């Protein structure tokens, strides 16, 4: 019998709404069954963590979809109508379940984002790949989304 990984470490690279949504769902699921989880946001995925805009729209609203037409907000609303956790529900679940959120310093520079542009309701650790790899477990699972 194969032993289950003791931790889930996810590199969230894609800036597609549906992929970031799934990474959040995976991290929340792991944490819900007492498996520590870390989300390492870099490159386009960092845009999913932008703070709300002055008009109240979520920062992730401009994310595209990996397939098909539509907007992130419309897709998010449809997920909720179908009984699937919405983006903000997943973020808040991850926070409540103590999922570690890391933001990549290199990714912030590459995307032209300042740390101050990110949401303030999530505690972020800032670092790079070395920080992420040190956080990962030798007997854990690592995913790239």
N, C-alpha and C. Protein backbone atom coordinates (compact mmCIF):
# COMPACT_ATOMS: atom_id res chain seq x y z
N UNK A 1 0.84 -1.18 0.00
CA UNK A 1 0.00 0.00 0.00
C UNK A 1 0.89 1.25 0.00
N UNK A 2 0.59 2.17 -0.88
CA UNK A 2 1.35 3.41 -0.98
C UNK A 2 0.86 4.40 0.06
N UNK A 3 1.79 5.05 0.71
CA UNK A 3 1.43 6.04 1.72
C UNK A 3 1.09 7.36 1.05
N UNK A 4 0.05 8.01 1.54
CA UNK A 4 -0.37 9.30 0.99
C UNK A 4 0.67 10.37 1.34
N UNK A 5 0.82 11.38 0.48
CA UNK A 5 1.76 12.46 0.77
C UNK A 5 1.38 13.17 2.07
N UNK A 6 2.39 13.67 2.78
CA UNK A 6 2.11 14.33 4.06
C UNK A 6 1.89 15.84 3.91
N UNK A 7 2.06 16.38 2.70
CA UNK A 7 1.87 17.80 2.46
C UNK A 7 1.61 18.01 0.97
N UNK A 8 0.87 19.07 0.66
CA UNK A 8 0.63 19.44 -0.74
C UNK A 8 1.25 20.82 -0.99
N UNK A 9 2.15 20.89 -1.95
CA UNK A 9 2.80 22.15 -2.34
C UNK A 9 2.45 22.43 -3.78
N UNK A 10 1.84 23.59 -4.04
CA UNK A 10 1.34 23.90 -5.38
C UNK A 10 1.99 25.19 -5.89
N UNK A 11 2.62 25.09 -7.05
CA UNK A 11 3.11 26.28 -7.74
C UNK A 11 1.96 26.74 -8.64
N UNK A 12 1.41 27.92 -8.34
CA UNK A 12 0.30 28.46 -9.11
C UNK A 12 0.90 29.48 -10.07
N UNK A 13 1.07 29.04 -11.31
CA UNK A 13 1.77 29.80 -12.34
C UNK A 13 0.81 30.44 -13.35
N UNK A 14 -0.23 29.70 -13.69
CA UNK A 14 -1.16 30.15 -14.73
C UNK A 14 -2.01 31.32 -14.24
N UNK A 15 -2.25 32.25 -15.13
CA UNK A 15 -3.12 33.38 -14.84
C UNK A 15 -4.55 33.14 -15.28
N UNK A 16 -4.91 31.89 -15.56
CA UNK A 16 -6.28 31.56 -15.97
C UNK A 16 -7.14 31.34 -14.72
N UNK A 17 -8.29 31.99 -14.70
CA UNK A 17 -9.19 31.93 -13.55
C UNK A 17 -9.48 30.49 -13.12
N UNK A 18 -9.85 29.64 -14.08
CA UNK A 18 -10.26 28.27 -13.73
C UNK A 18 -9.11 27.46 -13.14
N UNK A 19 -7.90 27.72 -13.58
CA UNK A 19 -6.75 27.00 -13.03
C UNK A 19 -6.42 27.46 -11.61
N UNK A 20 -6.48 28.77 -11.39
CA UNK A 20 -6.24 29.29 -10.04
C UNK A 20 -7.34 28.80 -9.09
N UNK A 21 -8.58 28.80 -9.57
CA UNK A 21 -9.71 28.31 -8.78
C UNK A 21 -9.46 26.87 -8.35
N UNK A 22 -8.98 26.04 -9.28
CA UNK A 22 -8.74 24.64 -8.97
C UNK A 22 -7.59 24.46 -7.98
N UNK A 23 -6.56 25.29 -8.11
CA UNK A 23 -5.45 25.23 -7.15
C UNK A 23 -5.95 25.56 -5.75
N UNK A 24 -6.81 26.57 -5.63
CA UNK A 24 -7.38 26.92 -4.33
C UNK A 24 -8.23 25.76 -3.79
N UNK A 25 -9.01 25.12 -4.68
CA UNK A 25 -9.84 23.98 -4.25
C UNK A 25 -8.97 22.83 -3.76
N UNK A 26 -7.88 22.56 -4.45
CA UNK A 26 -6.98 21.46 -4.06
C UNK A 26 -6.35 21.76 -2.70
N UNK A 27 -5.89 22.99 -2.50
CA UNK A 27 -5.26 23.36 -1.23
C UNK A 27 -6.27 23.28 -0.08
N UNK A 28 -7.47 23.80 -0.30
CA UNK A 28 -8.50 23.75 0.74
C UNK A 28 -8.86 22.31 1.07
N UNK A 29 -8.95 21.47 0.06
CA UNK A 29 -9.29 20.05 0.28
C UNK A 29 -8.21 19.35 1.09
N UNK A 30 -6.95 19.60 0.75
CA UNK A 30 -5.85 19.00 1.51
C UNK A 30 -5.90 19.44 2.96
N UNK A 31 -6.05 20.74 3.16
CA UNK A 31 -6.08 21.26 4.53
C UNK A 31 -7.28 20.73 5.31
N UNK A 32 -8.39 20.51 4.62
CA UNK A 32 -9.60 20.00 5.29
C UNK A 32 -9.40 18.58 5.82
N UNK A 33 -8.47 17.83 5.23
CA UNK A 33 -8.19 16.48 5.74
C UNK A 33 -6.86 16.45 6.50
N UNK A 34 -6.51 17.61 7.05
CA UNK A 34 -5.32 17.76 7.90
C UNK A 34 -3.99 17.50 7.20
N UNK A 35 -3.94 17.80 5.90
CA UNK A 35 -2.67 17.77 5.16
C UNK A 35 -2.26 19.22 4.96
N UNK A 36 -1.13 19.64 5.49
CA UNK A 36 -0.70 21.01 5.27
C UNK A 36 -0.59 21.30 3.77
N UNK A 37 -0.89 22.53 3.40
CA UNK A 37 -0.83 22.92 1.99
C UNK A 37 -0.20 24.30 1.85
N UNK A 38 0.57 24.45 0.78
CA UNK A 38 1.19 25.74 0.44
C UNK A 38 0.86 26.07 -0.99
N UNK A 39 0.42 27.30 -1.22
CA UNK A 39 0.18 27.84 -2.55
C UNK A 39 1.27 28.86 -2.84
N UNK A 40 2.05 28.63 -3.88
CA UNK A 40 3.14 29.54 -4.26
C UNK A 40 2.71 30.24 -5.55
N UNK A 41 2.28 31.49 -5.42
CA UNK A 41 1.79 32.26 -6.57
C UNK A 41 2.94 32.96 -7.26
N UNK A 42 3.01 32.80 -8.59
CA UNK A 42 4.03 33.45 -9.38
C UNK A 42 3.46 33.82 -10.74
N UNK A 43 4.19 34.63 -11.46
CA UNK A 43 3.85 35.09 -12.81
C UNK A 43 2.38 35.51 -12.90
N UNK A 44 1.67 35.10 -13.95
CA UNK A 44 0.30 35.56 -14.18
C UNK A 44 -0.67 35.24 -13.06
N UNK A 45 -0.40 34.18 -12.31
CA UNK A 45 -1.29 33.81 -11.20
C UNK A 45 -1.32 34.87 -10.11
N UNK A 46 -0.27 35.67 -10.00
CA UNK A 46 -0.24 36.74 -8.99
C UNK A 46 -1.39 37.72 -9.17
N UNK A 47 -1.86 37.88 -10.39
CA UNK A 47 -2.96 38.82 -10.67
C UNK A 47 -4.26 38.38 -9.99
N UNK A 48 -4.34 37.10 -9.65
CA UNK A 48 -5.51 36.59 -8.94
C UNK A 48 -5.56 37.10 -7.50
N UNK A 49 -4.46 37.61 -7.02
CA UNK A 49 -4.37 38.07 -5.63
C UNK A 49 -4.44 39.59 -5.50
N UNK A 50 -4.74 40.28 -6.59
CA UNK A 50 -4.83 41.74 -6.51
C UNK A 50 -5.97 42.15 -5.60
N UNK A 51 -5.78 43.28 -4.96
CA UNK A 51 -6.80 43.84 -4.07
C UNK A 51 -8.02 44.28 -4.87
N UNK A 52 -9.12 44.45 -4.17
CA UNK A 52 -10.33 44.97 -4.81
C UNK A 52 -10.05 46.34 -5.41
N UNK A 53 -10.73 46.61 -6.48
CA UNK A 53 -10.59 47.90 -7.14
C UNK A 53 -11.45 48.94 -6.44
N UNK A 54 -11.21 50.20 -6.72
CA UNK A 54 -12.04 51.25 -6.11
C UNK A 54 -13.53 51.09 -6.42
N UNK A 55 -13.88 50.48 -7.56
CA UNK A 55 -15.30 50.28 -7.89
C UNK A 55 -15.88 49.04 -7.21
N UNK A 56 -15.07 48.35 -6.39
CA UNK A 56 -15.55 47.19 -5.64
C UNK A 56 -15.37 45.86 -6.34
N UNK A 57 -14.99 45.87 -7.62
CA UNK A 57 -14.78 44.61 -8.34
C UNK A 57 -13.57 43.88 -7.77
N UNK A 58 -13.62 42.56 -7.74
CA UNK A 58 -12.46 41.81 -7.22
C UNK A 58 -11.26 41.96 -8.14
N UNK A 59 -10.07 41.90 -7.57
CA UNK A 59 -8.86 42.03 -8.35
C UNK A 59 -8.69 40.93 -9.38
N UNK A 60 -9.25 39.76 -9.12
CA UNK A 60 -9.10 38.63 -10.04
C UNK A 60 -10.07 38.71 -11.23
N UNK A 61 -10.93 39.73 -11.26
CA UNK A 61 -11.98 39.82 -12.28
C UNK A 61 -11.45 39.87 -13.71
N UNK A 62 -10.23 40.34 -13.91
CA UNK A 62 -9.68 40.44 -15.26
C UNK A 62 -8.99 39.17 -15.73
N UNK A 63 -8.93 38.15 -14.90
CA UNK A 63 -8.31 36.91 -15.33
C UNK A 63 -9.14 36.30 -16.47
N UNK A 64 -8.45 35.70 -17.41
CA UNK A 64 -9.13 35.00 -18.48
C UNK A 64 -9.41 33.56 -18.08
N UNK A 65 -9.97 32.81 -19.00
CA UNK A 65 -10.23 31.39 -18.79
C UNK A 65 -9.26 30.59 -19.65
N UNK A 66 -8.92 29.40 -19.21
CA UNK A 66 -7.96 28.60 -19.98
C UNK A 66 -8.60 28.08 -21.27
N UNK A 67 -9.90 27.90 -21.26
CA UNK A 67 -10.62 27.44 -22.45
C UNK A 67 -11.97 28.13 -22.51
N UNK A 68 -12.42 28.40 -23.72
CA UNK A 68 -13.75 28.95 -23.90
C UNK A 68 -13.80 30.46 -23.73
N UNK A 69 -14.98 30.97 -23.97
CA UNK A 69 -15.20 32.41 -23.88
C UNK A 69 -15.86 32.74 -22.55
N UNK A 70 -15.89 34.00 -22.25
CA UNK A 70 -16.53 34.45 -21.03
C UNK A 70 -15.55 35.17 -20.14
N UNK A 71 -16.06 35.65 -19.03
CA UNK A 71 -15.22 36.37 -18.07
C UNK A 71 -15.11 35.59 -16.78
N UNK A 72 -14.12 35.93 -16.00
CA UNK A 72 -13.93 35.27 -14.71
C UNK A 72 -15.15 35.47 -13.81
N UNK A 73 -15.69 36.67 -13.81
CA UNK A 73 -16.84 36.94 -12.94
C UNK A 73 -18.06 36.12 -13.34
N UNK A 74 -18.32 36.01 -14.63
CA UNK A 74 -19.46 35.21 -15.11
C UNK A 74 -19.23 33.74 -14.78
N UNK A 75 -18.02 33.26 -15.02
CA UNK A 75 -17.71 31.85 -14.72
C UNK A 75 -17.85 31.58 -13.22
N UNK A 76 -17.38 32.50 -12.40
CA UNK A 76 -17.48 32.36 -10.94
C UNK A 76 -18.95 32.30 -10.51
N UNK A 77 -19.77 33.16 -11.07
CA UNK A 77 -21.20 33.18 -10.74
C UNK A 77 -21.85 31.85 -11.13
N UNK A 78 -21.50 31.34 -12.32
CA UNK A 78 -22.06 30.06 -12.77
C UNK A 78 -21.63 28.91 -11.87
N UNK A 79 -20.38 28.95 -11.41
CA UNK A 79 -19.93 27.91 -10.48
C UNK A 79 -20.80 27.91 -9.23
N UNK A 80 -21.05 29.08 -8.68
CA UNK A 80 -21.89 29.20 -7.49
C UNK A 80 -23.30 28.67 -7.74
N UNK A 81 -23.87 29.00 -8.90
CA UNK A 81 -25.22 28.53 -9.24
C UNK A 81 -25.27 27.00 -9.35
N UNK A 82 -24.14 26.40 -9.65
CA UNK A 82 -24.08 24.94 -9.80
C UNK A 82 -23.64 24.24 -8.53
N UNK A 83 -23.53 25.00 -7.45
CA UNK A 83 -23.17 24.40 -6.16
C UNK A 83 -21.69 24.19 -5.95
N UNK A 84 -20.86 24.86 -6.77
CA UNK A 84 -19.41 24.77 -6.63
C UNK A 84 -18.94 26.01 -5.86
N UNK A 85 -17.99 25.82 -4.99
CA UNK A 85 -17.47 26.95 -4.21
C UNK A 85 -16.95 28.04 -5.14
N UNK A 86 -17.30 29.27 -4.84
CA UNK A 86 -16.84 30.41 -5.64
C UNK A 86 -15.44 30.81 -5.21
N UNK A 87 -14.81 31.64 -6.02
CA UNK A 87 -13.42 32.03 -5.81
C UNK A 87 -13.20 32.58 -4.40
N UNK A 88 -13.99 33.55 -3.99
CA UNK A 88 -13.80 34.16 -2.67
C UNK A 88 -14.05 33.17 -1.55
N UNK A 89 -14.99 32.26 -1.73
CA UNK A 89 -15.23 31.22 -0.72
C UNK A 89 -13.99 30.35 -0.57
N UNK A 90 -13.36 30.01 -1.67
CA UNK A 90 -12.16 29.18 -1.61
C UNK A 90 -11.00 29.91 -0.95
N UNK A 91 -10.82 31.18 -1.28
CA UNK A 91 -9.75 31.96 -0.64
C UNK A 91 -9.98 31.99 0.86
N UNK A 92 -11.20 32.30 1.28
CA UNK A 92 -11.49 32.39 2.72
C UNK A 92 -11.39 31.03 3.40
N UNK A 93 -11.75 29.97 2.70
CA UNK A 93 -11.58 28.62 3.26
C UNK A 93 -10.11 28.31 3.46
N UNK A 94 -9.29 28.65 2.47
CA UNK A 94 -7.84 28.43 2.60
C UNK A 94 -7.28 29.21 3.78
N UNK A 95 -7.71 30.43 3.95
CA UNK A 95 -7.25 31.25 5.07
C UNK A 95 -7.67 30.59 6.39
N UNK A 96 -8.95 30.21 6.49
CA UNK A 96 -9.47 29.62 7.72
C UNK A 96 -8.79 28.28 8.03
N UNK A 97 -8.42 27.53 7.00
CA UNK A 97 -7.79 26.23 7.19
C UNK A 97 -6.27 26.32 7.30
N UNK A 98 -5.76 27.54 7.34
CA UNK A 98 -4.34 27.82 7.54
C UNK A 98 -3.44 27.32 6.41
N UNK A 99 -3.95 27.42 5.17
CA UNK A 99 -3.12 27.16 4.00
C UNK A 99 -2.08 28.28 3.94
N UNK A 100 -0.85 27.95 3.62
CA UNK A 100 0.20 28.96 3.48
C UNK A 100 0.13 29.56 2.09
N UNK A 101 0.07 30.89 2.03
CA UNK A 101 0.10 31.62 0.76
C UNK A 101 1.48 32.24 0.63
N UNK A 102 2.19 31.91 -0.44
CA UNK A 102 3.47 32.54 -0.73
C UNK A 102 3.35 33.32 -2.04
N UNK A 103 4.03 34.46 -2.09
CA UNK A 103 4.10 35.21 -3.34
C UNK A 103 5.56 35.30 -3.75
N UNK A 104 5.79 35.09 -5.03
CA UNK A 104 7.14 35.04 -5.58
C UNK A 104 7.66 36.45 -5.86
N UNK A 105 8.78 36.78 -5.26
CA UNK A 105 9.39 38.09 -5.48
C UNK A 105 9.72 38.31 -6.95
N UNK A 106 10.30 37.30 -7.60
CA UNK A 106 10.64 37.40 -9.01
C UNK A 106 9.37 37.58 -9.85
N UNK A 107 8.34 36.84 -9.53
CA UNK A 107 7.08 36.94 -10.26
C UNK A 107 6.45 38.32 -10.14
N UNK A 108 6.52 38.91 -8.93
CA UNK A 108 5.99 40.26 -8.75
C UNK A 108 6.71 41.23 -9.68
N UNK A 109 8.04 41.15 -9.72
CA UNK A 109 8.82 42.03 -10.60
C UNK A 109 8.49 41.76 -12.07
N UNK A 110 8.41 40.50 -12.45
CA UNK A 110 8.14 40.14 -13.84
C UNK A 110 6.77 40.64 -14.30
N UNK A 111 5.80 40.64 -13.40
CA UNK A 111 4.46 41.09 -13.73
C UNK A 111 4.27 42.58 -13.52
N UNK A 112 5.28 43.26 -12.99
CA UNK A 112 5.16 44.70 -12.73
C UNK A 112 4.20 45.02 -11.62
N UNK A 113 4.09 44.12 -10.65
CA UNK A 113 3.18 44.32 -9.51
C UNK A 113 3.98 44.67 -8.26
N UNK A 114 3.44 45.55 -7.46
CA UNK A 114 4.02 45.86 -6.16
C UNK A 114 3.27 45.06 -5.10
N UNK A 115 3.93 44.68 -4.06
CA UNK A 115 3.32 43.92 -2.95
C UNK A 115 2.10 44.65 -2.41
N UNK A 116 2.15 45.98 -2.45
CA UNK A 116 1.05 46.81 -1.93
C UNK A 116 -0.22 46.71 -2.78
N UNK A 117 -0.12 46.15 -3.98
CA UNK A 117 -1.28 46.00 -4.85
C UNK A 117 -2.08 44.73 -4.53
N UNK A 118 -1.53 43.88 -3.67
CA UNK A 118 -2.19 42.62 -3.35
C UNK A 118 -3.20 42.79 -2.22
N UNK A 119 -4.11 41.86 -2.14
CA UNK A 119 -5.16 41.92 -1.11
C UNK A 119 -4.55 41.89 0.29
N UNK A 120 -5.24 42.52 1.21
CA UNK A 120 -4.73 42.63 2.58
C UNK A 120 -5.42 41.65 3.53
N UNK A 121 -6.43 40.93 3.06
CA UNK A 121 -7.15 39.99 3.92
C UNK A 121 -6.52 38.60 3.95
N UNK A 122 -5.40 38.45 3.23
CA UNK A 122 -4.67 37.18 3.20
C UNK A 122 -3.24 37.46 3.66
N UNK A 123 -2.75 36.66 4.60
CA UNK A 123 -1.36 36.81 5.05
C UNK A 123 -0.46 36.09 4.06
N UNK A 124 0.45 36.84 3.45
CA UNK A 124 1.36 36.27 2.47
C UNK A 124 2.76 36.19 3.04
N UNK A 125 3.45 35.12 2.67
CA UNK A 125 4.90 35.05 2.87
C UNK A 125 5.51 35.42 1.53
N UNK A 126 6.48 36.30 1.54
CA UNK A 126 7.14 36.68 0.31
C UNK A 126 8.47 35.94 0.23
N UNK A 127 8.79 35.43 -0.94
CA UNK A 127 10.04 34.70 -1.10
C UNK A 127 10.21 34.28 -2.54
N UNK A 128 11.05 33.32 -2.74
CA UNK A 128 11.30 32.82 -4.08
C UNK A 128 11.22 31.31 -4.10
N UNK A 129 11.72 30.74 -5.16
CA UNK A 129 11.67 29.28 -5.29
C UNK A 129 12.42 28.56 -4.17
N UNK A 130 13.52 29.14 -3.72
CA UNK A 130 14.25 28.51 -2.62
C UNK A 130 13.37 28.46 -1.37
N UNK A 131 12.68 29.54 -1.08
CA UNK A 131 11.77 29.58 0.07
C UNK A 131 10.69 28.51 -0.08
N UNK A 132 10.11 28.43 -1.28
CA UNK A 132 9.07 27.44 -1.55
C UNK A 132 9.60 26.02 -1.39
N UNK A 133 10.75 25.75 -1.96
CA UNK A 133 11.32 24.41 -1.88
C UNK A 133 11.69 24.02 -0.45
N UNK A 134 12.15 24.98 0.32
CA UNK A 134 12.45 24.69 1.75
C UNK A 134 11.18 24.37 2.52
N UNK A 135 10.07 24.97 2.11
CA UNK A 135 8.79 24.75 2.77
C UNK A 135 8.20 23.38 2.40
N UNK A 136 8.53 22.89 1.22
CA UNK A 136 7.96 21.62 0.74
C UNK A 136 8.46 20.45 1.57
N UNK A 137 7.71 19.37 1.54
CA UNK A 137 8.07 18.17 2.28
C UNK A 137 8.69 17.14 1.34
N UNK A 138 9.71 16.45 1.82
CA UNK A 138 10.34 15.40 1.04
C UNK A 138 9.41 14.25 0.75
N UNK A 139 8.39 14.07 1.57
CA UNK A 139 7.42 13.00 1.31
C UNK A 139 6.04 13.58 0.96
N UNK A 140 6.06 14.81 0.46
CA UNK A 140 4.82 15.46 0.05
C UNK A 140 4.62 15.38 -1.45
N UNK A 141 3.56 16.00 -1.91
CA UNK A 141 3.24 16.07 -3.34
C UNK A 141 3.43 17.51 -3.80
N UNK A 142 3.93 17.66 -5.03
CA UNK A 142 4.13 18.98 -5.60
C UNK A 142 3.42 19.03 -6.94
N UNK A 143 2.64 20.10 -7.14
CA UNK A 143 1.90 20.29 -8.37
C UNK A 143 2.25 21.63 -9.00
N UNK A 144 2.17 21.69 -10.32
CA UNK A 144 2.32 22.93 -11.07
C UNK A 144 1.00 23.18 -11.77
N UNK A 145 0.38 24.31 -11.46
CA UNK A 145 -0.91 24.66 -12.06
C UNK A 145 -0.73 25.92 -12.87
